[in-house]
């Protein structure tokens, strides 16, 4: 059986340049875009703002229409029955997490600087995020550092996460996802880390794209991540 025989495919790849809000209000959109831009900031490389992470998050939170991309990248799988019910329930919880989280973030911003988060300067936004998260702004991550190990081991599942942790996860996902999901515009995230990704998901299905040449047959984890060797 083919995938199309099992699942109806609807819609099309998400346009990263779209400003249409499917879930967020205008204020929420601007707040999340600003916060994501501090989580992956623009420096000598593009950041979350340029990668259109906010589009990815908005579509993800909008319901069940943009959850699983079709294998050929032509659209998204239509969820029905128990699959749809389960995802609606999960999305309802995450939608509420975001709505409440944005209000709480604004409350901290107004308490500290008498402005909404989106209206603050970048340095002020960083201070608000530190106060909101209860943790200092992280420094640069380099391969081999203890911080890098923690970064590598971060989870990928958002169910039950508080707002800030969910936002950090979704920002990373939107920055590095396949562009079919609306983020990673022009493969910005892939280019920054040197990943020569496929031009489209279809290329991963018909053999046009392959990663075989990048496989390393023999390696020592202690050399790749020295911190792991010290732990033993």
N, C-alpha and C. Protein backbone atom coordinates (compact mmCIF):
# COMPACT_ATOMS: atom_id res chain seq x y z
N UNK A 1 0.84 -1.19 0.00
CA UNK A 1 0.00 0.00 0.00
C UNK A 1 0.87 1.24 0.00
N UNK A 2 0.45 2.24 -0.70
CA UNK A 2 1.17 3.50 -0.71
C UNK A 2 0.63 4.40 0.38
N UNK A 3 1.40 5.45 0.69
CA UNK A 3 0.99 6.38 1.72
C UNK A 3 -0.32 7.04 1.34
N UNK A 4 -0.48 7.39 0.06
CA UNK A 4 -1.69 8.08 -0.38
C UNK A 4 -2.91 7.18 -0.29
N UNK A 5 -2.73 5.87 -0.29
CA UNK A 5 -3.86 4.96 -0.14
C UNK A 5 -4.33 4.92 1.31
N UNK A 6 -3.43 5.18 2.24
CA UNK A 6 -3.76 5.13 3.66
C UNK A 6 -4.23 6.48 4.20
N UNK A 7 -3.66 7.56 3.70
CA UNK A 7 -3.93 8.88 4.24
C UNK A 7 -4.32 9.83 3.12
N UNK A 8 -5.30 10.67 3.38
CA UNK A 8 -5.63 11.73 2.44
C UNK A 8 -4.66 12.88 2.66
N UNK A 9 -4.14 13.41 1.57
CA UNK A 9 -3.20 14.51 1.64
C UNK A 9 -3.93 15.79 1.27
N UNK A 10 -3.82 16.78 2.13
CA UNK A 10 -4.52 18.04 1.92
C UNK A 10 -3.55 19.21 2.02
N UNK A 11 -3.97 20.36 1.51
CA UNK A 11 -3.16 21.57 1.63
C UNK A 11 -1.92 21.53 0.77
N UNK A 12 -0.95 22.31 1.16
CA UNK A 12 0.30 22.45 0.42
C UNK A 12 1.39 22.88 1.39
N UNK A 13 2.65 22.86 0.97
CA UNK A 13 3.71 23.34 1.86
C UNK A 13 3.41 24.76 2.34
N UNK A 14 3.78 25.07 3.55
CA UNK A 14 3.47 26.37 4.15
C UNK A 14 4.36 27.45 3.55
N UNK A 15 3.79 28.59 3.24
CA UNK A 15 4.53 29.73 2.71
C UNK A 15 5.19 30.46 3.87
N UNK A 16 6.52 30.47 3.95
CA UNK A 16 7.19 31.11 5.09
C UNK A 16 7.02 32.63 5.10
N UNK A 17 6.69 33.21 3.97
CA UNK A 17 6.53 34.66 3.89
C UNK A 17 5.13 35.12 4.25
N UNK A 18 4.25 34.18 4.54
CA UNK A 18 2.89 34.54 4.88
C UNK A 18 2.83 35.26 6.22
N UNK A 19 2.02 36.31 6.29
CA UNK A 19 1.77 37.01 7.54
C UNK A 19 0.36 36.73 8.07
N UNK A 20 -0.32 35.76 7.46
CA UNK A 20 -1.66 35.40 7.91
C UNK A 20 -1.56 34.69 9.26
N UNK A 21 -2.34 35.15 10.22
CA UNK A 21 -2.35 34.55 11.54
C UNK A 21 -3.45 33.48 11.59
N UNK A 22 -3.07 32.24 11.82
CA UNK A 22 -4.05 31.17 11.94
C UNK A 22 -4.40 30.90 13.40
N UNK A 23 -3.48 31.16 14.30
CA UNK A 23 -3.73 30.97 15.73
C UNK A 23 -3.49 32.25 16.52
N UNK A 24 -2.33 32.84 16.37
CA UNK A 24 -1.98 34.02 17.16
C UNK A 24 -2.82 35.24 16.79
N UNK A 25 -3.06 36.08 17.78
CA UNK A 25 -3.51 37.44 17.51
C UNK A 25 -2.30 38.24 17.03
N UNK A 26 -2.51 39.45 16.55
CA UNK A 26 -1.39 40.27 16.11
C UNK A 26 -0.39 40.49 17.25
N UNK A 27 -0.90 40.78 18.43
CA UNK A 27 -0.01 41.01 19.58
C UNK A 27 0.77 39.75 19.93
N UNK A 28 0.10 38.62 19.94
CA UNK A 28 0.77 37.36 20.26
C UNK A 28 1.82 37.03 19.21
N UNK A 29 1.49 37.23 17.94
CA UNK A 29 2.45 36.98 16.84
C UNK A 29 3.71 37.80 17.05
N UNK A 30 3.54 39.11 17.29
CA UNK A 30 4.70 39.99 17.46
C UNK A 30 5.51 39.62 18.69
N UNK A 31 4.83 39.19 19.75
CA UNK A 31 5.52 38.81 20.99
C UNK A 31 6.35 37.55 20.78
N UNK A 32 5.77 36.55 20.15
CA UNK A 32 6.49 35.30 19.91
C UNK A 32 7.63 35.52 18.92
N UNK A 33 7.41 36.31 17.91
CA UNK A 33 8.48 36.60 16.96
C UNK A 33 9.65 37.27 17.66
N UNK A 34 9.35 38.22 18.55
CA UNK A 34 10.41 38.92 19.29
C UNK A 34 11.14 37.98 20.25
N UNK A 35 10.39 37.14 20.96
CA UNK A 35 11.01 36.22 21.92
C UNK A 35 11.87 35.18 21.21
N UNK A 36 11.37 34.63 20.11
CA UNK A 36 12.15 33.65 19.36
C UNK A 36 13.43 34.27 18.83
N UNK A 37 13.36 35.56 18.47
CA UNK A 37 14.52 36.26 17.93
C UNK A 37 15.59 36.50 19.00
N UNK A 38 15.23 36.39 20.28
CA UNK A 38 16.22 36.47 21.34
C UNK A 38 16.75 35.08 21.70
N UNK A 39 15.96 34.05 21.43
CA UNK A 39 16.41 32.68 21.69
C UNK A 39 17.44 32.26 20.64
N UNK A 40 17.16 32.54 19.37
CA UNK A 40 18.15 32.36 18.30
C UNK A 40 18.30 33.72 17.64
N UNK A 41 19.20 34.56 18.17
CA UNK A 41 19.29 35.94 17.69
C UNK A 41 20.02 36.05 16.35
N UNK A 42 19.80 37.17 15.72
CA UNK A 42 20.51 37.50 14.49
C UNK A 42 21.86 38.10 14.86
N UNK A 43 22.94 37.54 14.33
CA UNK A 43 24.26 38.14 14.54
C UNK A 43 24.95 38.18 13.19
N UNK A 44 26.10 37.51 13.05
CA UNK A 44 26.71 37.43 11.74
C UNK A 44 25.98 36.44 10.85
N UNK A 45 25.09 35.67 11.46
CA UNK A 45 24.22 34.75 10.72
C UNK A 45 22.76 35.14 10.95
N UNK A 46 21.88 34.76 10.05
CA UNK A 46 20.45 35.00 10.28
C UNK A 46 19.97 34.24 11.50
N UNK A 47 18.90 34.74 12.10
CA UNK A 47 18.35 34.10 13.28
C UNK A 47 16.92 33.63 13.08
N UNK A 48 16.23 33.47 14.19
CA UNK A 48 14.85 32.95 14.14
C UNK A 48 13.91 33.87 13.37
N UNK A 49 14.15 35.16 13.44
CA UNK A 49 13.27 36.09 12.73
C UNK A 49 13.37 35.87 11.21
N UNK A 50 14.59 35.77 10.72
CA UNK A 50 14.78 35.59 9.28
C UNK A 50 14.32 34.21 8.83
N UNK A 51 14.44 33.22 9.70
CA UNK A 51 14.01 31.86 9.35
C UNK A 51 12.50 31.68 9.43
N UNK A 52 11.80 32.71 9.87
CA UNK A 52 10.34 32.71 9.96
C UNK A 52 9.82 31.64 10.93
N UNK A 53 10.50 31.56 12.06
CA UNK A 53 10.10 30.61 13.09
C UNK A 53 8.67 30.86 13.55
N UNK A 54 8.27 32.13 13.60
CA UNK A 54 6.93 32.45 14.07
C UNK A 54 5.85 31.82 13.19
N UNK A 55 6.11 31.69 11.90
CA UNK A 55 5.15 31.04 11.00
C UNK A 55 5.03 29.56 11.36
N UNK A 56 6.15 28.92 11.59
CA UNK A 56 6.14 27.51 11.99
C UNK A 56 5.32 27.32 13.26
N UNK A 57 5.56 28.15 14.28
CA UNK A 57 4.87 27.99 15.55
C UNK A 57 3.38 28.27 15.40
N UNK A 58 3.03 29.31 14.67
CA UNK A 58 1.63 29.65 14.46
C UNK A 58 0.88 28.51 13.78
N UNK A 59 1.47 27.94 12.75
CA UNK A 59 0.80 26.83 12.04
C UNK A 59 0.72 25.59 12.92
N UNK A 60 1.76 25.33 13.66
CA UNK A 60 1.77 24.15 14.53
C UNK A 60 0.66 24.25 15.57
N UNK A 61 0.46 25.44 16.13
CA UNK A 61 -0.53 25.62 17.19
C UNK A 61 -1.95 25.78 16.65
N UNK A 62 -2.10 25.93 15.36
CA UNK A 62 -3.40 26.29 14.79
C UNK A 62 -4.42 25.16 14.81
N UNK A 63 -4.00 23.94 15.06
CA UNK A 63 -4.95 22.84 15.07
C UNK A 63 -4.30 21.55 14.62
N UNK A 64 -4.92 20.87 13.66
CA UNK A 64 -4.42 19.56 13.23
C UNK A 64 -4.08 19.52 11.74
N UNK A 65 -4.08 20.67 11.09
CA UNK A 65 -3.89 20.67 9.63
C UNK A 65 -2.43 20.66 9.20
N UNK A 66 -1.50 20.97 10.11
CA UNK A 66 -0.09 21.11 9.72
C UNK A 66 0.82 20.30 10.63
N UNK A 67 0.40 19.09 10.96
CA UNK A 67 1.17 18.28 11.90
C UNK A 67 2.17 17.36 11.20
N UNK A 68 1.70 16.57 10.25
CA UNK A 68 2.58 15.60 9.58
C UNK A 68 2.63 15.90 8.09
N UNK A 69 3.79 16.29 7.60
CA UNK A 69 3.94 16.53 6.17
C UNK A 69 3.87 15.21 5.41
N UNK A 70 3.27 15.24 4.23
CA UNK A 70 3.26 14.06 3.37
C UNK A 70 4.69 13.72 2.96
N UNK A 71 4.94 12.46 2.72
CA UNK A 71 6.30 12.01 2.44
C UNK A 71 6.91 12.69 1.22
N UNK A 72 6.06 13.09 0.25
CA UNK A 72 6.60 13.73 -0.94
C UNK A 72 6.60 15.26 -0.84
N UNK A 73 6.21 15.78 0.33
CA UNK A 73 6.23 17.22 0.55
C UNK A 73 5.14 17.99 -0.13
N UNK A 74 4.15 17.31 -0.69
CA UNK A 74 3.12 18.00 -1.47
C UNK A 74 2.06 18.66 -0.60
N UNK A 75 1.94 18.24 0.64
CA UNK A 75 0.93 18.78 1.54
C UNK A 75 1.06 18.13 2.90
N UNK A 76 -0.07 17.96 3.58
CA UNK A 76 -0.04 17.39 4.93
C UNK A 76 -1.07 16.27 5.04
N UNK A 77 -0.79 15.32 5.90
CA UNK A 77 -1.72 14.21 6.11
C UNK A 77 -2.95 14.70 6.86
N UNK A 78 -4.11 14.32 6.40
CA UNK A 78 -5.36 14.68 7.05
C UNK A 78 -5.63 13.73 8.19
N UNK A 79 -5.64 14.24 9.41
CA UNK A 79 -5.90 13.42 10.58
C UNK A 79 -7.40 13.27 10.80
N UNK A 80 -7.83 12.07 11.06
CA UNK A 80 -9.25 11.80 11.29
C UNK A 80 -9.41 10.88 12.48
N UNK A 81 -10.65 10.74 12.94
CA UNK A 81 -10.96 9.78 14.01
C UNK A 81 -10.17 10.03 15.27
N UNK A 82 -9.66 8.95 15.88
CA UNK A 82 -8.95 9.05 17.14
C UNK A 82 -7.65 9.83 17.01
N UNK A 83 -7.01 9.74 15.83
CA UNK A 83 -5.78 10.52 15.61
C UNK A 83 -6.10 12.01 15.75
N UNK A 84 -7.17 12.44 15.11
CA UNK A 84 -7.54 13.85 15.15
C UNK A 84 -7.96 14.27 16.56
N UNK A 85 -8.72 13.44 17.23
CA UNK A 85 -9.18 13.76 18.58
C UNK A 85 -8.00 13.92 19.54
N UNK A 86 -7.03 13.01 19.42
CA UNK A 86 -5.87 13.07 20.31
C UNK A 86 -5.06 14.33 20.07
N UNK A 87 -4.88 14.69 18.81
CA UNK A 87 -4.09 15.89 18.51
C UNK A 87 -4.83 17.17 18.88
N UNK A 88 -6.15 17.18 18.71
CA UNK A 88 -6.91 18.36 19.13
C UNK A 88 -6.77 18.60 20.63
N UNK A 89 -6.84 17.52 21.40
CA UNK A 89 -6.69 17.64 22.84
C UNK A 89 -5.30 18.14 23.21
N UNK A 90 -4.30 17.60 22.54
CA UNK A 90 -2.93 18.01 22.81
C UNK A 90 -2.72 19.48 22.43
N UNK A 91 -3.25 19.88 21.28
CA UNK A 91 -3.10 21.25 20.83
C UNK A 91 -3.87 22.22 21.72
N UNK A 92 -5.02 21.79 22.22
CA UNK A 92 -5.80 22.66 23.12
C UNK A 92 -4.95 23.02 24.34
N UNK A 93 -4.28 22.03 24.91
CA UNK A 93 -3.44 22.29 26.07
C UNK A 93 -2.28 23.22 25.73
N UNK A 94 -1.63 23.00 24.59
CA UNK A 94 -0.49 23.83 24.22
C UNK A 94 -0.93 25.24 23.85
N UNK A 95 -2.07 25.37 23.21
CA UNK A 95 -2.61 26.70 22.90
C UNK A 95 -2.82 27.50 24.18
N UNK A 96 -3.38 26.85 25.19
CA UNK A 96 -3.60 27.54 26.46
C UNK A 96 -2.29 27.89 27.12
N UNK A 97 -1.31 27.00 27.01
CA UNK A 97 0.02 27.28 27.56
C UNK A 97 0.60 28.54 26.94
N UNK A 98 0.46 28.67 25.63
CA UNK A 98 1.00 29.86 24.94
C UNK A 98 0.22 31.12 25.32
N UNK A 99 -1.10 31.02 25.32
CA UNK A 99 -1.91 32.21 25.64
C UNK A 99 -1.59 32.72 27.05
N UNK A 100 -1.53 31.80 28.00
CA UNK A 100 -1.22 32.20 29.37
C UNK A 100 0.23 32.66 29.49
N UNK A 101 1.14 31.99 28.77
CA UNK A 101 2.55 32.33 28.84
C UNK A 101 2.85 33.72 28.30
N UNK A 102 2.21 34.08 27.21
CA UNK A 102 2.43 35.42 26.63
C UNK A 102 1.94 36.49 27.60
N UNK A 103 0.81 36.27 28.25
CA UNK A 103 0.30 37.23 29.24
C UNK A 103 1.27 37.36 30.40
N UNK A 104 1.80 36.23 30.86
CA UNK A 104 2.75 36.25 31.97
C UNK A 104 4.05 36.95 31.58
N UNK A 105 4.51 36.72 30.36
CA UNK A 105 5.73 37.37 29.88
C UNK A 105 5.53 38.87 29.82
N UNK A 106 4.40 39.31 29.33
CA UNK A 106 4.10 40.74 29.29
C UNK A 106 4.02 41.34 30.68
N UNK A 107 3.49 40.57 31.63
CA UNK A 107 3.39 41.06 33.00
C UNK A 107 4.77 41.34 33.58
N UNK A 108 5.73 40.44 33.33
CA UNK A 108 7.11 40.66 33.80
C UNK A 108 7.72 41.87 33.10
N UNK A 109 7.48 42.00 31.81
CA UNK A 109 8.02 43.13 31.06
C UNK A 109 7.47 44.46 31.58
N UNK A 110 6.19 44.49 31.84
CA UNK A 110 5.58 45.73 32.33
C UNK A 110 6.04 46.04 33.76
N UNK A 111 6.24 44.99 34.54
CA UNK A 111 6.72 45.20 35.91
C UNK A 111 8.13 45.78 35.92
N UNK A 112 8.96 45.34 34.98
CA UNK A 112 10.34 45.79 34.97
C UNK A 112 10.55 47.06 34.16
N UNK A 113 9.81 47.20 33.05
CA UNK A 113 10.10 48.31 32.13
C UNK A 113 8.85 49.09 31.69
N UNK A 114 7.71 48.74 32.24
CA UNK A 114 6.46 49.47 31.94
C UNK A 114 6.07 49.42 30.48
N UNK A 115 6.45 48.36 29.79
CA UNK A 115 6.08 48.18 28.38
C UNK A 115 5.79 46.71 28.13
N UNK A 116 5.04 46.44 27.07
CA UNK A 116 4.84 45.06 26.64
C UNK A 116 6.17 44.51 26.13
N UNK A 117 6.34 43.20 26.21
CA UNK A 117 7.61 42.58 25.82
C UNK A 117 8.02 42.96 24.41
N UNK A 118 7.09 42.95 23.48
CA UNK A 118 7.42 43.20 22.07
C UNK A 118 7.91 44.61 21.82
N UNK A 119 7.63 45.53 22.75
CA UNK A 119 8.01 46.93 22.56
C UNK A 119 9.34 47.29 23.20
N UNK A 120 9.99 46.31 23.82
CA UNK A 120 11.27 46.55 24.48
C UNK A 120 12.44 46.42 23.51
N UNK A 121 13.58 46.99 23.88
CA UNK A 121 14.80 46.77 23.13
C UNK A 121 15.34 45.38 23.39
N UNK A 122 16.28 44.95 22.59
CA UNK A 122 16.78 43.59 22.70
C UNK A 122 17.42 43.30 24.06
N UNK A 123 18.22 44.23 24.59
CA UNK A 123 18.86 44.00 25.88
C UNK A 123 17.82 43.91 26.99
N UNK A 124 16.77 44.72 26.89
CA UNK A 124 15.71 44.66 27.89
C UNK A 124 14.93 43.34 27.77
N UNK A 125 14.69 42.91 26.55
CA UNK A 125 14.01 41.63 26.34
C UNK A 125 14.82 40.49 26.93
N UNK A 126 16.12 40.53 26.78
CA UNK A 126 16.97 39.49 27.37
C UNK A 126 16.81 39.46 28.90
N UNK A 127 16.78 40.63 29.52
CA UNK A 127 16.62 40.69 30.97
C UNK A 127 15.26 40.15 31.40
N UNK A 128 14.23 40.45 30.64
CA UNK A 128 12.90 39.93 30.95
C UNK A 128 12.87 38.41 30.83
N UNK A 129 13.50 37.88 29.78
CA UNK A 129 13.51 36.43 29.60
C UNK A 129 14.32 35.75 30.71
N UNK A 130 15.37 36.40 31.17
CA UNK A 130 16.12 35.84 32.30
C UNK A 130 15.24 35.78 33.54
N UNK A 131 14.54 36.87 33.81
CA UNK A 131 13.67 36.90 34.99
C UNK A 131 12.52 35.91 34.85
N UNK A 132 11.97 35.82 33.66
CA UNK A 132 10.83 34.94 33.42
C UNK A 132 11.22 33.47 33.54
N UNK A 133 12.39 33.12 32.99
CA UNK A 133 12.83 31.72 32.99
C UNK A 133 13.51 31.32 34.29
N UNK A 134 14.01 32.32 35.03
CA UNK A 134 14.72 32.01 36.26
C UNK A 134 16.13 31.51 36.02
N UNK A 135 16.66 31.74 34.82
CA UNK A 135 18.01 31.28 34.47
C UNK A 135 18.73 32.38 33.71
N UNK A 136 20.05 32.48 33.86
CA UNK A 136 20.80 33.50 33.13
C UNK A 136 20.84 33.21 31.63
N UNK A 137 21.07 34.24 30.86
CA UNK A 137 21.20 34.07 29.42
C UNK A 137 22.38 33.15 29.12
N UNK A 138 22.17 32.08 28.37
CA UNK A 138 23.27 31.14 28.11
C UNK A 138 24.35 31.76 27.23
N UNK A 139 25.56 31.29 27.43
CA UNK A 139 26.67 31.75 26.61
C UNK A 139 26.80 30.91 25.36
N UNK A 140 27.84 31.18 24.55
CA UNK A 140 28.06 30.41 23.33
C UNK A 140 28.29 28.94 23.64
N UNK A 141 27.84 28.07 22.76
CA UNK A 141 28.01 26.62 22.91
C UNK A 141 29.08 26.15 21.94
N UNK A 142 30.06 25.43 22.45
CA UNK A 142 31.12 24.90 21.60
C UNK A 142 31.20 23.40 21.78
N UNK A 143 31.56 22.69 20.73
CA UNK A 143 31.68 21.25 20.78
C UNK A 143 32.74 20.85 21.81
N UNK A 144 32.36 19.92 22.68
CA UNK A 144 33.30 19.45 23.68
C UNK A 144 33.07 20.04 25.06
N UNK A 145 32.25 21.11 25.15
CA UNK A 145 31.99 21.72 26.45
C UNK A 145 30.86 20.97 27.15
N UNK A 146 30.80 21.12 28.48
CA UNK A 146 29.72 20.47 29.23
C UNK A 146 28.37 21.03 28.82
N UNK A 147 28.32 22.32 28.47
CA UNK A 147 27.08 22.93 28.02
C UNK A 147 26.61 22.30 26.71
N UNK A 148 27.57 21.93 25.87
CA UNK A 148 27.21 21.33 24.59
C UNK A 148 26.53 19.98 24.80
N UNK A 149 27.00 19.22 25.79
CA UNK A 149 26.40 17.92 26.06
C UNK A 149 24.95 18.09 26.44
N UNK A 150 24.68 19.05 27.33
CA UNK A 150 23.30 19.31 27.72
C UNK A 150 22.45 19.74 26.55
N UNK A 151 23.05 20.51 25.63
CA UNK A 151 22.33 20.95 24.45
C UNK A 151 21.99 19.78 23.56
N UNK A 152 22.93 18.86 23.36
CA UNK A 152 22.70 17.70 22.50
C UNK A 152 21.59 16.81 23.06
N UNK A 153 21.44 16.78 24.37
CA UNK A 153 20.51 15.85 24.99
C UNK A 153 19.13 16.45 25.24
N UNK A 154 18.86 17.65 24.73
CA UNK A 154 17.55 18.25 24.90
C UNK A 154 16.49 17.42 24.19
N UNK A 155 15.30 17.37 24.80
CA UNK A 155 14.23 16.56 24.25
C UNK A 155 13.59 17.18 23.02
N UNK A 156 12.69 16.41 22.42
CA UNK A 156 12.00 16.87 21.22
C UNK A 156 10.48 16.78 21.37
N UNK A 157 10.01 16.43 22.56
CA UNK A 157 8.57 16.24 22.78
C UNK A 157 8.07 17.35 23.69
N UNK A 158 6.99 18.02 23.30
CA UNK A 158 6.55 19.21 24.03
C UNK A 158 5.41 18.99 25.00
N UNK A 159 4.82 17.82 25.03
CA UNK A 159 3.64 17.61 25.86
C UNK A 159 3.97 17.83 27.33
N UNK A 160 3.21 18.71 27.99
CA UNK A 160 3.40 18.99 29.39
C UNK A 160 4.46 20.03 29.71
N UNK A 161 5.14 20.55 28.70
CA UNK A 161 6.18 21.55 28.96
C UNK A 161 5.57 22.89 29.35
N UNK A 162 6.22 23.61 30.27
CA UNK A 162 5.81 24.98 30.56
C UNK A 162 6.07 25.87 29.34
N UNK A 163 5.53 27.09 29.39
CA UNK A 163 5.59 27.98 28.23
C UNK A 163 7.01 28.23 27.73
N UNK A 164 7.91 28.67 28.61
CA UNK A 164 9.23 29.06 28.12
C UNK A 164 9.98 27.87 27.54
N UNK A 165 9.90 26.72 28.19
CA UNK A 165 10.57 25.53 27.68
C UNK A 165 9.98 25.11 26.33
N UNK A 166 8.65 25.21 26.21
CA UNK A 166 8.00 24.88 24.94
C UNK A 166 8.42 25.85 23.86
N UNK A 167 8.49 27.12 24.19
CA UNK A 167 8.89 28.13 23.20
C UNK A 167 10.32 27.89 22.72
N UNK A 168 11.22 27.56 23.63
CA UNK A 168 12.61 27.26 23.23
C UNK A 168 12.65 26.06 22.30
N UNK A 169 11.91 25.02 22.65
CA UNK A 169 11.87 23.83 21.81
C UNK A 169 11.30 24.15 20.44
N UNK A 170 10.18 24.84 20.39
CA UNK A 170 9.54 25.15 19.12
C UNK A 170 10.39 26.11 18.28
N UNK A 171 11.14 26.98 18.94
CA UNK A 171 12.04 27.86 18.19
C UNK A 171 13.13 27.05 17.50
N UNK A 172 13.71 26.10 18.23
CA UNK A 172 14.72 25.24 17.62
C UNK A 172 14.12 24.43 16.47
N UNK A 173 12.94 23.88 16.71
CA UNK A 173 12.30 23.08 15.67
C UNK A 173 11.99 23.92 14.44
N UNK A 174 11.49 25.13 14.65
CA UNK A 174 11.17 26.00 13.52
C UNK A 174 12.39 26.47 12.77
N UNK A 175 13.51 26.55 13.45
CA UNK A 175 14.74 27.01 12.82
C UNK A 175 15.39 25.91 11.98
N UNK A 176 15.25 24.65 12.44
CA UNK A 176 15.94 23.54 11.77
C UNK A 176 14.99 22.57 11.05
N UNK A 177 13.70 22.82 11.08
CA UNK A 177 12.75 21.89 10.46
C UNK A 177 12.89 21.88 8.95
N UNK A 178 12.26 20.88 8.34
CA UNK A 178 12.15 20.94 6.88
C UNK A 178 11.29 22.14 6.53
N UNK A 179 11.69 22.91 5.52
CA UNK A 179 10.95 24.12 5.16
C UNK A 179 9.47 23.90 4.84
N UNK A 180 9.07 22.68 4.57
CA UNK A 180 7.66 22.41 4.28
C UNK A 180 6.77 22.85 5.44
N UNK A 181 7.33 22.90 6.66
CA UNK A 181 6.54 23.25 7.84
C UNK A 181 6.47 24.76 8.09
N UNK A 182 7.08 25.55 7.24
CA UNK A 182 6.95 27.00 7.36
C UNK A 182 8.15 27.71 7.93
N UNK A 183 8.97 27.04 8.73
CA UNK A 183 10.19 27.65 9.26
C UNK A 183 11.38 27.35 8.35
N UNK A 184 12.58 27.65 8.88
CA UNK A 184 13.80 27.36 8.11
C UNK A 184 13.70 27.90 6.68
N UNK A 185 13.24 29.14 6.56
CA UNK A 185 13.08 29.74 5.24
C UNK A 185 14.40 29.72 4.47
N UNK A 186 14.33 29.34 3.22
CA UNK A 186 15.52 29.25 2.35
C UNK A 186 16.60 28.37 2.95
N UNK A 187 16.18 27.44 3.81
CA UNK A 187 17.10 26.51 4.47
C UNK A 187 18.17 27.24 5.29
N UNK A 188 17.77 28.35 5.88
CA UNK A 188 18.69 29.17 6.67
C UNK A 188 19.35 28.36 7.77
N UNK A 189 18.54 27.63 8.55
CA UNK A 189 19.09 26.86 9.65
C UNK A 189 20.07 25.81 9.20
N UNK A 190 19.76 25.14 8.11
CA UNK A 190 20.65 24.11 7.58
C UNK A 190 21.96 24.70 7.08
N UNK A 191 21.88 25.82 6.41
CA UNK A 191 23.09 26.43 5.85
C UNK A 191 24.04 26.86 6.95
N UNK A 192 23.50 27.35 8.06
CA UNK A 192 24.35 27.83 9.15
C UNK A 192 25.17 26.70 9.75
N UNK A 193 24.59 25.50 9.85
CA UNK A 193 25.33 24.37 10.43
C UNK A 193 26.01 23.52 9.36
N UNK A 194 25.89 23.94 8.11
CA UNK A 194 26.57 23.21 7.04
C UNK A 194 25.89 21.93 6.62
N UNK A 195 24.58 21.86 6.82
CA UNK A 195 23.84 20.66 6.43
C UNK A 195 23.29 20.82 5.02
N UNK A 196 23.74 20.01 4.08
CA UNK A 196 23.27 20.12 2.70
C UNK A 196 21.96 19.38 2.50
N UNK A 197 20.90 19.92 3.05
CA UNK A 197 19.61 19.23 3.03
C UNK A 197 19.01 19.12 1.65
N UNK A 198 17.95 18.35 1.53
CA UNK A 198 17.27 18.17 0.24
C UNK A 198 16.54 19.44 -0.18
N UNK A 199 16.38 19.62 -1.48
CA UNK A 199 15.62 20.77 -1.96
C UNK A 199 14.15 20.62 -1.61
N UNK A 200 13.68 19.39 -1.52
CA UNK A 200 12.30 19.12 -1.13
C UNK A 200 12.24 17.73 -0.53
N UNK A 201 11.16 17.45 0.22
CA UNK A 201 10.99 16.12 0.79
C UNK A 201 10.93 15.05 -0.30
N UNK A 202 10.39 15.41 -1.44
CA UNK A 202 10.29 14.46 -2.54
C UNK A 202 11.65 13.89 -2.90
N UNK A 203 12.69 14.72 -2.81
CA UNK A 203 14.03 14.27 -3.14
C UNK A 203 14.53 13.17 -2.22
N UNK A 204 13.97 13.10 -1.00
CA UNK A 204 14.38 12.05 -0.07
C UNK A 204 13.67 10.74 -0.36
N UNK A 205 12.62 10.78 -1.18
CA UNK A 205 11.84 9.58 -1.47
C UNK A 205 12.24 8.91 -2.77
N UNK A 206 12.69 9.71 -3.74
CA UNK A 206 12.97 9.13 -5.06
C UNK A 206 14.45 8.89 -5.31
N UNK A 207 15.28 9.09 -4.26
CA UNK A 207 16.71 8.82 -4.40
C UNK A 207 17.52 9.99 -4.90
N UNK A 208 16.87 11.12 -5.19
CA UNK A 208 17.61 12.30 -5.64
C UNK A 208 18.59 12.78 -4.57
N UNK A 209 18.15 12.69 -3.31
CA UNK A 209 18.98 13.15 -2.21
C UNK A 209 19.40 11.98 -1.34
N UNK A 210 20.65 11.95 -0.93
CA UNK A 210 21.16 10.90 -0.06
C UNK A 210 22.25 11.47 0.84
N UNK A 211 22.35 10.95 2.05
CA UNK A 211 23.40 11.38 2.99
C UNK A 211 24.50 10.34 3.13
N UNK A 212 24.48 9.33 2.29
CA UNK A 212 25.43 8.22 2.42
C UNK A 212 26.87 8.70 2.44
N UNK A 213 27.20 9.66 1.62
CA UNK A 213 28.60 10.10 1.52
C UNK A 213 29.09 10.80 2.78
N UNK A 214 28.16 11.20 3.66
CA UNK A 214 28.56 11.91 4.87
C UNK A 214 28.71 10.99 6.07
N UNK A 215 28.41 9.72 5.92
CA UNK A 215 28.51 8.79 7.03
C UNK A 215 29.98 8.54 7.38
N UNK A 216 30.27 8.51 8.68
CA UNK A 216 31.60 8.18 9.18
C UNK A 216 31.54 6.78 9.75
N UNK A 217 32.30 5.89 9.19
CA UNK A 217 32.19 4.49 9.59
C UNK A 217 32.80 4.21 10.95
N UNK A 218 33.91 4.88 11.27
CA UNK A 218 34.56 4.64 12.56
C UNK A 218 34.82 5.97 13.25
N UNK A 219 34.46 6.05 14.52
CA UNK A 219 34.71 7.28 15.27
C UNK A 219 34.78 6.94 16.75
N UNK A 220 35.34 7.84 17.51
CA UNK A 220 35.46 7.68 18.95
C UNK A 220 34.65 8.80 19.61
N UNK A 221 33.59 8.43 20.34
CA UNK A 221 32.76 9.44 21.00
C UNK A 221 33.56 10.31 21.95
N UNK A 222 34.61 9.76 22.55
CA UNK A 222 35.44 10.54 23.47
C UNK A 222 36.16 11.67 22.75
N UNK A 223 36.44 11.47 21.47
CA UNK A 223 37.06 12.54 20.70
C UNK A 223 36.03 13.57 20.24
N UNK A 224 34.82 13.09 19.90
CA UNK A 224 33.78 14.00 19.46
C UNK A 224 33.25 14.86 20.61
N UNK A 225 33.04 14.22 21.74
CA UNK A 225 32.52 14.93 22.92
C UNK A 225 33.36 14.53 24.14
N UNK A 226 34.48 15.22 24.37
CA UNK A 226 35.41 14.82 25.43
C UNK A 226 34.76 14.73 26.80
N UNK A 227 33.71 15.51 27.05
CA UNK A 227 33.07 15.53 28.35
C UNK A 227 32.50 14.14 28.71
N UNK A 228 32.07 13.41 27.69
CA UNK A 228 31.52 12.08 27.95
C UNK A 228 32.58 11.13 28.47
N UNK A 229 33.78 11.28 27.97
CA UNK A 229 34.87 10.42 28.43
C UNK A 229 35.23 10.69 29.88
N UNK A 230 35.17 11.96 30.29
CA UNK A 230 35.49 12.32 31.67
C UNK A 230 34.42 11.79 32.62
N UNK A 231 33.19 11.72 32.12
CA UNK A 231 32.10 11.26 32.98
C UNK A 231 32.28 9.81 33.40
N UNK A 232 32.98 9.03 32.56
CA UNK A 232 33.17 7.62 32.87
C UNK A 232 34.27 7.42 33.89
